[in-house]
C-alpha cells in the first residue's frame, strides 16, 4: 500500500510543480508562498479544531487526530522551518528557470536521501543503488551542458544554486520526516506544520516583502495559487501516510516521489513551450534509469 501512496504522491507533486510555475509567472514570490500556506492551513484547520475541542468530527476516519504534547509541537515546528527554507529557495529558483531544468535537479533528491540514510541511519548502498547514484550524477553533468544553450551556467547562476539548495534542504526534510513519522500521526503533522508555516510566512511577508512591495515585482492574483495548495496537500497526505507504514523505506519513497519530474517535464513541453527538449529528455532518461536501479536495489 505504501508504494501505491508514494506513486500517487509523485503524480500530485508533478501537478504541484506545474501550478507553482504558472503562479510565479511575473509574480512576487513571497506572497504566492504565503497564500500557499494560508490555503493549506484552511484545508486542515477543521482537523485541528476537532482535535483541540474534542468534537470528534473525523473520528474513525483517516482524518482523525489527537492533541499533541509540547515535544510533538516542537518536532513539527522544526519540520516547518526546514520545509519553508526549501520552498523559499525553490520558489525563487523556479521563477527564473525553465521547469525542464528545475525538475531534473530536484529529481536528484533521492540520491542525497540515500547518502543521508547511509550516514545517519547506518544504511549501506548495494551495487544497484550505487549505479543509480552514478547515473544521477551523470544526468546532472549532462543537464549542466544542455542548459548552457539557454544561457544558464550551473557554476555561475544564482538561481541554479538556489534550486540546488532547495534540493539539499528537501532531502534533509525527507530524512527528518522518517524520524518524526515513527513518533507522530500524519494528520497531526500535516495540519500543524501548515499552521506554523503560515505564522512564519506572515512574519516574512510583513518584514521583507510588504515594506518594499511598490519597488519590487508586484503581486497579482492567479487561480493557479489555490491549486498549488490543493495538489501539495494531497501529495503530502499520501506521502506521510506512506511513511507511517512500518515497511516503508524513505529512500524508495523519496525516489518514487521524484518521478514527479515526468509530469513537470511533459507540462513544461506542452504548456510552457520550453526549449532544447531533446537533450533535456536524455538527461531525464538517465535520472529515470537511475531511479529504476535505486528501486531494484532498495526492494
C-alpha atoms as a PDB file:
ATOM      1  CA  UNK A   1       0.000   0.000   0.000  1.00  0.00           C
ATOM      2  CA  UNK A   2       2.822   2.409   0.800  1.00  0.00           C
ATOM      3  CA  UNK A   3       4.195   2.022  -2.729  1.00  0.00           C
ATOM      4  CA  UNK A   4       0.809   2.982  -4.224  1.00  0.00           C
ATOM      5  CA  UNK A   5       0.658   6.021  -1.948  1.00  0.00           C
ATOM      6  CA  UNK A   6       4.198   7.001  -2.981  1.00  0.00           C
ATOM      7  CA  UNK A   7       3.320   6.840  -6.699  1.00  0.00           C
ATOM      8  CA  UNK A   8       0.128   8.845  -6.103  1.00  0.00           C
ATOM      9  CA  UNK A   9       2.187  11.446  -4.246  1.00  0.00           C
ATOM     10  CA  UNK A  10       4.621  11.626  -7.183  1.00  0.00           C
ATOM     11  CA  UNK A  11       1.862  12.360  -9.711  1.00  0.00           C
ATOM     12  CA  UNK A  12       0.372  15.041  -7.460  1.00  0.00           C
ATOM     13  CA  UNK A  13       3.806  16.596  -6.904  1.00  0.00           C
ATOM     14  CA  UNK A  14       4.219  16.938 -10.654  1.00  0.00           C
ATOM     15  CA  UNK A  15       0.930  18.869 -10.867  1.00  0.00           C
ATOM     16  CA  UNK A  16       2.048  20.931  -7.861  1.00  0.00           C
ATOM     17  CA  UNK A  17       5.241  21.935  -9.677  1.00  0.00           C
ATOM     18  CA  UNK A  18       3.288  22.931 -12.773  1.00  0.00           C
ATOM     19  CA  UNK A  19       0.770  25.124 -10.917  1.00  0.00           C
ATOM     20  CA  UNK A  20       3.621  26.633  -8.914  1.00  0.00           C
ATOM     21  CA  UNK A  21       5.452  27.582 -12.112  1.00  0.00           C
ATOM     22  CA  UNK A  22       2.273  29.129 -13.517  1.00  0.00           C
ATOM     23  CA  UNK A  23       1.533  31.085 -10.326  1.00  0.00           C
ATOM     24  CA  UNK A  24       5.073  32.503 -10.197  1.00  0.00           C
ATOM     25  CA  UNK A  25       4.988  33.843 -13.748  1.00  0.00           C
ATOM     26  CA  UNK A  26       5.867  37.559 -13.406  1.00  0.00           C
ATOM     27  CA  UNK A  27       4.682  37.417  -9.811  1.00  0.00           C
ATOM     28  CA  UNK A  28       6.111  38.225  -6.376  1.00  0.00           C
ATOM     29  CA  UNK A  29       7.432  35.060  -4.709  1.00  0.00           C
ATOM     30  CA  UNK A  30       6.763  35.640  -1.000  1.00  0.00           C
ATOM     31  CA  UNK A  31       3.046  36.489  -1.224  1.00  0.00           C
ATOM     32  CA  UNK A  32       2.468  33.483  -3.515  1.00  0.00           C
ATOM     33  CA  UNK A  33       4.132  31.306  -0.893  1.00  0.00           C
ATOM     34  CA  UNK A  34       2.080  32.992   1.850  1.00  0.00           C
ATOM     35  CA  UNK A  35      -1.185  32.209   0.053  1.00  0.00           C
ATOM     36  CA  UNK A  36       0.027  28.635  -0.398  1.00  0.00           C
ATOM     37  CA  UNK A  37       0.465  28.248   3.363  1.00  0.00           C
ATOM     38  CA  UNK A  38      -2.856  30.028   4.009  1.00  0.00           C
ATOM     39  CA  UNK A  39      -4.949  27.749   1.801  1.00  0.00           C
ATOM     40  CA  UNK A  40      -3.131  24.635   3.041  1.00  0.00           C
ATOM     41  CA  UNK A  41      -3.854  25.703   6.628  1.00  0.00           C
ATOM     42  CA  UNK A  42      -7.532  26.294   5.872  1.00  0.00           C
ATOM     43  CA  UNK A  43      -7.815  22.813   4.349  1.00  0.00           C
ATOM     44  CA  UNK A  44      -6.605  21.200   7.587  1.00  0.00           C
ATOM     45  CA  UNK A  45      -7.972  23.672  10.125  1.00  0.00           C
ATOM     46  CA  UNK A  46     -11.114  21.548  10.762  1.00  0.00           C
ATOM     47  CA  UNK A  47      -8.884  18.654  11.882  1.00  0.00           C
ATOM     48  CA  UNK A  48      -7.102  20.915  14.384  1.00  0.00           C
ATOM     49  CA  UNK A  49     -10.394  22.292  15.746  1.00  0.00           C
ATOM     50  CA  UNK A  50     -11.880  18.816  16.001  1.00  0.00           C
ATOM     51  CA  UNK A  51      -8.910  17.518  17.978  1.00  0.00           C
ATOM     52  CA  UNK A  52      -8.440  20.528  20.244  1.00  0.00           C
ATOM     53  CA  UNK A  53     -12.159  20.908  21.125  1.00  0.00           C
ATOM     54  CA  UNK A  54     -12.851  17.193  21.409  1.00  0.00           C
ATOM     55  CA  UNK A  55     -15.645  17.494  18.836  1.00  0.00           C
ATOM     56  CA  UNK A  56     -14.681  14.223  17.186  1.00  0.00           C
ATOM     57  CA  UNK A  57     -15.845  15.291  13.718  1.00  0.00           C
ATOM     58  CA  UNK A  58     -13.456  12.885  11.996  1.00  0.00           C
ATOM     59  CA  UNK A  59     -13.478  10.019  14.473  1.00  0.00           C
ATOM     60  CA  UNK A  60     -12.921   6.671  12.814  1.00  0.00           C
ATOM     61  CA  UNK A  61     -11.678   8.215   9.547  1.00  0.00           C
ATOM     62  CA  UNK A  62      -8.253   8.798   8.016  1.00  0.00           C
ATOM     63  CA  UNK A  63      -8.516  12.449   9.065  1.00  0.00           C
ATOM     64  CA  UNK A  64      -8.802  11.696  12.779  1.00  0.00           C
ATOM     65  CA  UNK A  65      -6.068  13.098  15.024  1.00  0.00           C
ATOM     66  CA  UNK A  66      -5.407  13.864  18.686  1.00  0.00           C
ATOM     67  CA  UNK A  67      -3.861  16.818  20.557  1.00  0.00           C
ATOM     68  CA  UNK A  68      -0.080  16.622  20.739  1.00  0.00           C
ATOM     69  CA  UNK A  69       2.443  17.196  23.503  1.00  0.00           C
ATOM     70  CA  UNK A  70       4.815  20.162  23.656  1.00  0.00           C
ATOM     71  CA  UNK A  71       7.589  17.902  22.346  1.00  0.00           C
ATOM     72  CA  UNK A  72       5.415  16.883  19.394  1.00  0.00           C
ATOM     73  CA  UNK A  73       4.764  20.501  18.515  1.00  0.00           C
ATOM     74  CA  UNK A  74       8.471  21.325  18.683  1.00  0.00           C
ATOM     75  CA  UNK A  75       9.190  18.492  16.264  1.00  0.00           C
ATOM     76  CA  UNK A  76       6.590  19.887  13.866  1.00  0.00           C
ATOM     77  CA  UNK A  77       7.937  23.446  14.194  1.00  0.00           C
ATOM     78  CA  UNK A  78      11.370  22.146  13.174  1.00  0.00           C
ATOM     79  CA  UNK A  79       9.818  20.450  10.141  1.00  0.00           C
ATOM     80  CA  UNK A  80       8.052  23.708   9.222  1.00  0.00           C
ATOM     81  CA  UNK A  81      11.332  25.634   9.271  1.00  0.00           C
ATOM     82  CA  UNK A  82      13.142  23.021   7.153  1.00  0.00           C
ATOM     83  CA  UNK A  83      10.349  22.794   4.572  1.00  0.00           C
ATOM     84  CA  UNK A  84       9.887  26.559   4.309  1.00  0.00           C
ATOM     85  CA  UNK A  85      13.615  27.032   3.791  1.00  0.00           C
ATOM     86  CA  UNK A  86      13.494  24.556   0.929  1.00  0.00           C
ATOM     87  CA  UNK A  87      10.399  26.221  -0.522  1.00  0.00           C
ATOM     88  CA  UNK A  88      11.806  29.758  -0.450  1.00  0.00           C
ATOM     89  CA  UNK A  89      14.956  28.609  -2.257  1.00  0.00           C
ATOM     90  CA  UNK A  90      12.933  26.524  -4.709  1.00  0.00           C
ATOM     91  CA  UNK A  91      10.290  29.154  -5.482  1.00  0.00           C
ATOM     92  CA  UNK A  92      12.864  31.811  -6.337  1.00  0.00           C
ATOM     93  CA  UNK A  93      14.828  29.373  -8.486  1.00  0.00           C
ATOM     94  CA  UNK A  94      11.748  28.070 -10.302  1.00  0.00           C
ATOM     95  CA  UNK A  95      10.551  31.582 -11.079  1.00  0.00           C
ATOM     96  CA  UNK A  96      13.731  32.348 -13.034  1.00  0.00           C
ATOM     97  CA  UNK A  97      14.476  28.958 -14.632  1.00  0.00           C
ATOM     98  CA  UNK A  98      12.715  26.618 -17.076  1.00  0.00           C
ATOM     99  CA  UNK A  99      10.783  23.866 -15.290  1.00  0.00           C
ATOM    100  CA  UNK A 100      12.528  21.341 -17.560  1.00  0.00           C
ATOM    101  CA  UNK A 101      15.798  22.286 -15.815  1.00  0.00           C
ATOM    102  CA  UNK A 102      14.433  22.554 -12.273  1.00  0.00           C
ATOM    103  CA  UNK A 103      12.618  19.210 -12.424  1.00  0.00           C
ATOM    104  CA  UNK A 104      15.680  17.062 -13.172  1.00  0.00           C
ATOM    105  CA  UNK A 105      17.732  18.859 -10.478  1.00  0.00           C
ATOM    106  CA  UNK A 106      15.027  18.138  -7.909  1.00  0.00           C
ATOM    107  CA  UNK A 107      14.938  14.552  -9.104  1.00  0.00           C
ATOM    108  CA  UNK A 108      18.404  14.040  -7.596  1.00  0.00           C
ATOM    109  CA  UNK A 109      16.991  14.304  -4.060  1.00  0.00           C
ATOM    110  CA  UNK A 110      16.677  10.514  -3.665  1.00  0.00           C
ATOM    111  CA  UNK A 111      20.433  10.241  -4.109  1.00  0.00           C
ATOM    112  CA  UNK A 112      21.011  12.674  -1.248  1.00  0.00           C
ATOM    113  CA  UNK A 113      18.407  10.881   0.860  1.00  0.00           C
ATOM    114  CA  UNK A 114      20.182   7.572   0.279  1.00  0.00           C
ATOM    115  CA  UNK A 115      23.539   9.072   1.254  1.00  0.00           C
ATOM    116  CA  UNK A 116      21.933  10.684   4.300  1.00  0.00           C
ATOM    117  CA  UNK A 117      20.307   7.421   5.316  1.00  0.00           C
ATOM    118  CA  UNK A 118      23.695   5.731   4.980  1.00  0.00           C
ATOM    119  CA  UNK A 119      25.400   8.310   7.190  1.00  0.00           C
ATOM    120  CA  UNK A 120      22.628   8.871   9.760  1.00  0.00           C
ATOM    121  CA  UNK A 121      20.864   5.526   9.949  1.00  0.00           C
ATOM    122  CA  UNK A 122      23.735   3.196   9.099  1.00  0.00           C
ATOM    123  CA  UNK A 123      22.269   2.048   5.789  1.00  0.00           C
ATOM    124  CA  UNK A 124      24.657   0.701   3.172  1.00  0.00           C
ATOM    125  CA  UNK A 125      24.332   1.030  -0.586  1.00  0.00           C
ATOM    126  CA  UNK A 126      24.437  -2.085  -2.742  1.00  0.00           C
ATOM    127  CA  UNK A 127      25.588  -2.330  -6.340  1.00  0.00           C
ATOM    128  CA  UNK A 128      22.232  -1.351  -7.819  1.00  0.00           C
ATOM    129  CA  UNK A 129      21.979   1.673  -5.557  1.00  0.00           C
ATOM    130  CA  UNK A 130      25.464   2.874  -6.371  1.00  0.00           C
ATOM    131  CA  UNK A 131      24.627   2.518 -10.076  1.00  0.00           C
ATOM    132  CA  UNK A 132      21.578   4.723  -9.515  1.00  0.00           C
ATOM    133  CA  UNK A 133      23.691   7.307  -7.712  1.00  0.00           C
ATOM    134  CA  UNK A 134      26.265   7.409 -10.531  1.00  0.00           C
ATOM    135  CA  UNK A 135      23.572   7.740 -13.202  1.00  0.00           C
ATOM    136  CA  UNK A 136      22.062  10.676 -11.313  1.00  0.00           C
ATOM    137  CA  UNK A 137      25.475  12.364 -11.189  1.00  0.00           C
ATOM    138  CA  UNK A 138      25.921  11.806 -14.939  1.00  0.00           C
ATOM    139  CA  UNK A 139      22.473  13.298 -15.581  1.00  0.00           C
ATOM    140  CA  UNK A 140      23.417  16.454 -13.671  1.00  0.00           C
ATOM    141  CA  UNK A 141      26.589  16.800 -15.737  1.00  0.00           C
ATOM    142  CA  UNK A 142      24.622  16.422 -18.978  1.00  0.00           C
ATOM    143  CA  UNK A 143      21.958  18.833 -17.755  1.00  0.00           C
ATOM    144  CA  UNK A 144      24.594  21.452 -16.946  1.00  0.00           C
ATOM    145  CA  UNK A 145      25.875  21.201 -20.542  1.00  0.00           C
ATOM    146  CA  UNK A 146      22.462  21.378 -22.217  1.00  0.00           C
ATOM    147  CA  UNK A 147      21.337  24.280 -20.025  1.00  0.00           C
ATOM    148  CA  UNK A 148      24.203  26.432 -21.284  1.00  0.00           C
ATOM    149  CA  UNK A 149      22.447  26.574 -24.646  1.00  0.00           C
ATOM    150  CA  UNK A 150      19.751  28.607 -22.869  1.00  0.00           C
ATOM    151  CA  UNK A 151      22.274  30.883 -21.196  1.00  0.00           C
ATOM    152  CA  UNK A 152      22.146  29.048 -17.858  1.00  0.00           C
ATOM    153  CA  UNK A 153      25.597  28.344 -16.420  1.00  0.00           C
ATOM    154  CA  UNK A 154      25.385  25.933 -13.488  1.00  0.00           C
ATOM    155  CA  UNK A 155      28.555  27.208 -11.837  1.00  0.00           C
ATOM    156  CA  UNK A 156      27.721  30.932 -12.000  1.00  0.00           C
ATOM    157  CA  UNK A 157      23.928  31.100 -11.883  1.00  0.00           C
ATOM    158  CA  UNK A 158      22.391  32.151  -8.561  1.00  0.00           C
ATOM    159  CA  UNK A 159      19.035  30.561  -9.451  1.00  0.00           C
ATOM    160  CA  UNK A 160      20.677  27.185 -10.081  1.00  0.00           C
ATOM    161  CA  UNK A 161      22.387  27.485  -6.704  1.00  0.00           C
ATOM    162  CA  UNK A 162      19.035  28.244  -5.054  1.00  0.00           C
ATOM    163  CA  UNK A 163      17.406  25.212  -6.682  1.00  0.00           C
ATOM    164  CA  UNK A 164      20.363  23.092  -5.553  1.00  0.00           C
ATOM    165  CA  UNK A 165      19.983  24.462  -2.009  1.00  0.00           C
ATOM    166  CA  UNK A 166      16.277  23.640  -2.195  1.00  0.00           C
ATOM    167  CA  UNK A 167      17.093  20.073  -3.220  1.00  0.00           C
ATOM    168  CA  UNK A 168      19.550  19.658  -0.339  1.00  0.00           C
ATOM    169  CA  UNK A 169      17.164  21.018   2.299  1.00  0.00           C
ATOM    170  CA  UNK A 170      14.366  18.979   0.710  1.00  0.00           C
ATOM    171  CA  UNK A 171      16.449  15.833   1.141  1.00  0.00           C
ATOM    172  CA  UNK A 172      17.090  16.826   4.765  1.00  0.00           C
ATOM    173  CA  UNK A 173      13.334  17.215   5.180  1.00  0.00           C
ATOM    174  CA  UNK A 174      12.787  13.696   3.857  1.00  0.00           C
ATOM    175  CA  UNK A 175      15.223  12.206   6.362  1.00  0.00           C
ATOM    176  CA  UNK A 176      13.617  14.207   9.159  1.00  0.00           C
ATOM    177  CA  UNK A 177      10.155  13.040   8.080  1.00  0.00           C
ATOM    178  CA  UNK A 178      11.215   9.412   8.500  1.00  0.00           C
ATOM    179  CA  UNK A 179      12.374  10.270  12.022  1.00  0.00           C
ATOM    180  CA  UNK A 180       9.208  12.043  13.192  1.00  0.00           C
ATOM    181  CA  UNK A 181       6.669   9.794  11.443  1.00  0.00           C
ATOM    182  CA  UNK A 182       7.681   6.937  13.712  1.00  0.00           C
ATOM    183  CA  UNK A 183       6.540   9.133  16.627  1.00  0.00           C
ATOM    184  CA  UNK A 184       3.592  11.219  15.364  1.00  0.00           C
ATOM    185  CA  UNK A 185       0.451  10.611  13.338  1.00  0.00           C
ATOM    186  CA  UNK A 186       0.303  12.010   9.782  1.00  0.00           C
ATOM    187  CA  UNK A 187      -2.763  14.256  10.176  1.00  0.00           C
ATOM    188  CA  UNK A 188      -1.334  15.913  13.296  1.00  0.00           C
ATOM    189  CA  UNK A 189       1.936  16.616  11.486  1.00  0.00           C
ATOM    190  CA  UNK A 190       0.365  17.957   8.300  1.00  0.00           C
ATOM    191  CA  UNK A 191      -2.299  20.110   9.949  1.00  0.00           C
ATOM    192  CA  UNK A 192       0.003  21.762  12.476  1.00  0.00           C
ATOM    193  CA  UNK A 193       3.001  22.221  10.209  1.00  0.00           C
ATOM    194  CA  UNK A 194       0.775  24.076   7.737  1.00  0.00           C
ATOM    195  CA  UNK A 195      -0.339  26.395  10.549  1.00  0.00           C
ATOM    196  CA  UNK A 196       3.197  27.008  11.776  1.00  0.00           C
ATOM    197  CA  UNK A 197       4.323  27.721   8.214  1.00  0.00           C
ATOM    198  CA  UNK A 198       1.558  30.299   7.863  1.00  0.00           C
ATOM    199  CA  UNK A 199       2.769  32.058  11.018  1.00  0.00           C
ATOM    200  CA  UNK A 200       6.384  32.091   9.813  1.00  0.00           C
ATOM    201  CA  UNK A 201       5.461  33.241   6.296  1.00  0.00           C
ATOM    202  CA  UNK A 202       3.257  36.015   7.696  1.00  0.00           C
ATOM    203  CA  UNK A 203       6.267  37.343   9.585  1.00  0.00           C
ATOM    204  CA  UNK A 204       8.495  37.135   6.484  1.00  0.00           C
ATOM    205  CA  UNK A 205       5.964  38.903   4.269  1.00  0.00           C
ATOM    206  CA  UNK A 206       5.356  41.686   6.787  1.00  0.00           C
ATOM    207  CA  UNK A 207       9.049  42.364   7.384  1.00  0.00           C
ATOM    208  CA  UNK A 208      10.607  41.642   3.970  1.00  0.00           C
ATOM    209  CA  UNK A 209       8.030  41.956   1.175  1.00  0.00           C
ATOM    210  CA  UNK A 210       5.352  44.412   2.411  1.00  0.00           C
ATOM    211  CA  UNK A 211       7.653  47.428   3.038  1.00  0.00           C
ATOM    212  CA  UNK A 212       9.202  47.068  -0.454  1.00  0.00           C
ATOM    213  CA  UNK A 213       6.117  45.856  -2.366  1.00  0.00           C
ATOM    214  CA  UNK A 214       5.946  49.017  -4.519  1.00  0.00           C
ATOM    215  CA  UNK A 215       9.563  48.812  -5.672  1.00  0.00           C
ATOM    216  CA  UNK A 216       9.825  45.066  -6.349  1.00  0.00           C
ATOM    217  CA  UNK A 217       7.962  42.621  -8.579  1.00  0.00           C
ATOM    218  CA  UNK A 218       4.243  43.281  -7.998  1.00  0.00           C
ATOM    219  CA  UNK A 219       1.858  40.590  -6.785  1.00  0.00           C
ATOM    220  CA  UNK A 220      -1.113  39.623  -8.912  1.00  0.00           C
ATOM    221  CA  UNK A 221      -3.762  37.006  -8.241  1.00  0.00           C
ATOM    222  CA  UNK A 222      -3.762  33.760 -10.203  1.00  0.00           C
ATOM    223  CA  UNK A 223      -6.153  30.838  -9.899  1.00  0.00           C
ATOM    224  CA  UNK A 224      -3.096  28.620 -10.023  1.00  0.00           C
ATOM    225  CA  UNK A 225      -2.295  29.783  -6.459  1.00  0.00           C
ATOM    226  CA  UNK A 226      -5.029  27.814  -4.618  1.00  0.00           C
ATOM    227  CA  UNK A 227      -4.326  24.815  -6.858  1.00  0.00           C
ATOM    228  CA  UNK A 228      -0.759  24.806  -5.504  1.00  0.00           C
ATOM    229  CA  UNK A 229      -2.155  24.190  -2.021  1.00  0.00           C
ATOM    230  CA  UNK A 230      -4.629  21.541  -3.175  1.00  0.00           C
ATOM    231  CA  UNK A 231      -2.076  19.452  -5.066  1.00  0.00           C
ATOM    232  CA  UNK A 232       0.600  19.876  -2.396  1.00  0.00           C
ATOM    233  CA  UNK A 233      -1.746  18.958   0.464  1.00  0.00           C
ATOM    234  CA  UNK A 234      -2.909  15.813  -1.337  1.00  0.00           C
ATOM    235  CA  UNK A 235       0.684  14.882  -2.237  1.00  0.00           C
ATOM    236  CA  UNK A 236       1.875  15.344   1.365  1.00  0.00           C
ATOM    237  CA  UNK A 237      -1.138  13.459   2.722  1.00  0.00           C
ATOM    238  CA  UNK A 238      -0.299  10.409   0.608  1.00  0.00           C
ATOM    239  CA  UNK A 239       3.416  10.780   1.402  1.00  0.00           C
ATOM    240  CA  UNK A 240       3.052  10.964   5.189  1.00  0.00           C
ATOM    241  CA  UNK A 241       0.664   8.018   5.279  1.00  0.00           C
ATOM    242  CA  UNK A 242       3.148   6.048   3.160  1.00  0.00           C
ATOM    243  CA  UNK A 243       5.915   6.763   5.690  1.00  0.00           C
ATOM    244  CA  UNK A 244       3.579   5.717   8.508  1.00  0.00           C
ATOM    245  CA  UNK A 245       3.737   2.157   7.174  1.00  0.00           C
ATOM    246  CA  UNK A 246       6.322   0.211   9.146  1.00  0.00           C
ATOM    247  CA  UNK A 247       7.650  -1.420   5.960  1.00  0.00           C
ATOM    248  CA  UNK A 248       8.121   1.878   4.105  1.00  0.00           C
ATOM    249  CA  UNK A 249      11.699   2.816   3.152  1.00  0.00           C
ATOM    250  CA  UNK A 250      12.372   6.548   2.966  1.00  0.00           C
ATOM    251  CA  UNK A 251      14.975   6.014   0.243  1.00  0.00           C
ATOM    252  CA  UNK A 252      12.454   4.253  -2.008  1.00  0.00           C
ATOM    253  CA  UNK A 253       9.578   6.643  -1.209  1.00  0.00           C
ATOM    254  CA  UNK A 254      11.803   9.643  -1.923  1.00  0.00           C
ATOM    255  CA  UNK A 255      12.965   8.098  -5.183  1.00  0.00           C
ATOM    256  CA  UNK A 256       9.393   7.392  -6.356  1.00  0.00           C
ATOM    257  CA  UNK A 257       8.230  10.913  -5.458  1.00  0.00           C
ATOM    258  CA  UNK A 258      10.918  12.402  -7.677  1.00  0.00           C
ATOM    259  CA  UNK A 259       9.169  10.616 -10.527  1.00  0.00           C
ATOM    260  CA  UNK A 260       7.062  13.778 -10.495  1.00  0.00           C
ATOM    261  CA  UNK A 261       9.674  15.124 -12.907  1.00  0.00           C
ATOM    262  CA  UNK A 262       7.915  13.164 -15.679  1.00  0.00           C
ATOM    263  CA  UNK A 263       4.715  15.185 -15.162  1.00  0.00           C
ATOM    264  CA  UNK A 264       6.502  18.527 -14.806  1.00  0.00           C
ATOM    265  CA  UNK A 265       8.719  17.817 -17.833  1.00  0.00           C
ATOM    266  CA  UNK A 266       5.737  16.938 -20.028  1.00  0.00           C
ATOM    267  CA  UNK A 267       3.858  20.062 -18.942  1.00  0.00           C
ATOM    268  CA  UNK A 268       6.958  22.176 -19.483  1.00  0.00           C
ATOM    269  CA  UNK A 269       6.965  20.994 -23.082  1.00  0.00           C
ATOM    270  CA  UNK A 270       3.203  21.200 -23.706  1.00  0.00           C
ATOM    271  CA  UNK A 271       2.134  24.215 -21.643  1.00  0.00           C
ATOM    272  CA  UNK A 272       5.206  26.429 -21.353  1.00  0.00           C
ATOM    273  CA  UNK A 273       6.755  25.550 -24.756  1.00  0.00           C
ATOM    274  CA  UNK A 274      10.248  25.364 -23.288  1.00  0.00           C
ATOM    275  CA  UNK A 275      13.296  24.881 -25.492  1.00  0.00           C
ATOM    276  CA  UNK A 276      16.049  22.328 -26.015  1.00  0.00           C
ATOM    277  CA  UNK A 277      13.768  19.447 -25.034  1.00  0.00           C
ATOM    278  CA  UNK A 278      15.580  16.699 -26.904  1.00  0.00           C
ATOM    279  CA  UNK A 279      18.841  16.997 -24.946  1.00  0.00           C
ATOM    280  CA  UNK A 280      16.939  17.529 -21.688  1.00  0.00           C
ATOM    281  CA  UNK A 281      14.954  14.361 -22.389  1.00  0.00           C
ATOM    282  CA  UNK A 282      18.251  12.469 -22.498  1.00  0.00           C
ATOM    283  CA  UNK A 283      19.196  13.957 -19.113  1.00  0.00           C
ATOM    284  CA  UNK A 284      15.786  12.920 -17.776  1.00  0.00           C
ATOM    285  CA  UNK A 285      16.233   9.407 -19.141  1.00  0.00           C
ATOM    286  CA  UNK A 286      19.449   8.980 -17.131  1.00  0.00           C
ATOM    287  CA  UNK A 287      17.635  10.086 -13.989  1.00  0.00           C
ATOM    288  CA  UNK A 288      14.723   7.701 -14.580  1.00  0.00           C
ATOM    289  CA  UNK A 289      17.052   4.783 -15.289  1.00  0.00           C
ATOM    290  CA  UNK A 290      18.926   5.692 -12.114  1.00  0.00           C
ATOM    291  CA  UNK A 291      15.629   5.621 -10.205  1.00  0.00           C
ATOM    292  CA  UNK A 292      14.903   2.146 -11.551  1.00  0.00           C
ATOM    293  CA  UNK A 293      18.271   0.930 -10.261  1.00  0.00           C
ATOM    294  CA  UNK A 294      17.594   2.590  -6.909  1.00  0.00           C
ATOM    295  CA  UNK A 295      14.200   0.892  -6.744  1.00  0.00           C
ATOM    296  CA  UNK A 296      15.590  -2.544  -7.611  1.00  0.00           C
ATOM    297  CA  UNK A 297      18.416  -2.136  -5.123  1.00  0.00           C
ATOM    298  CA  UNK A 298      16.069  -0.977  -2.346  1.00  0.00           C
ATOM    299  CA  UNK A 299      13.395  -3.678  -2.628  1.00  0.00           C
END
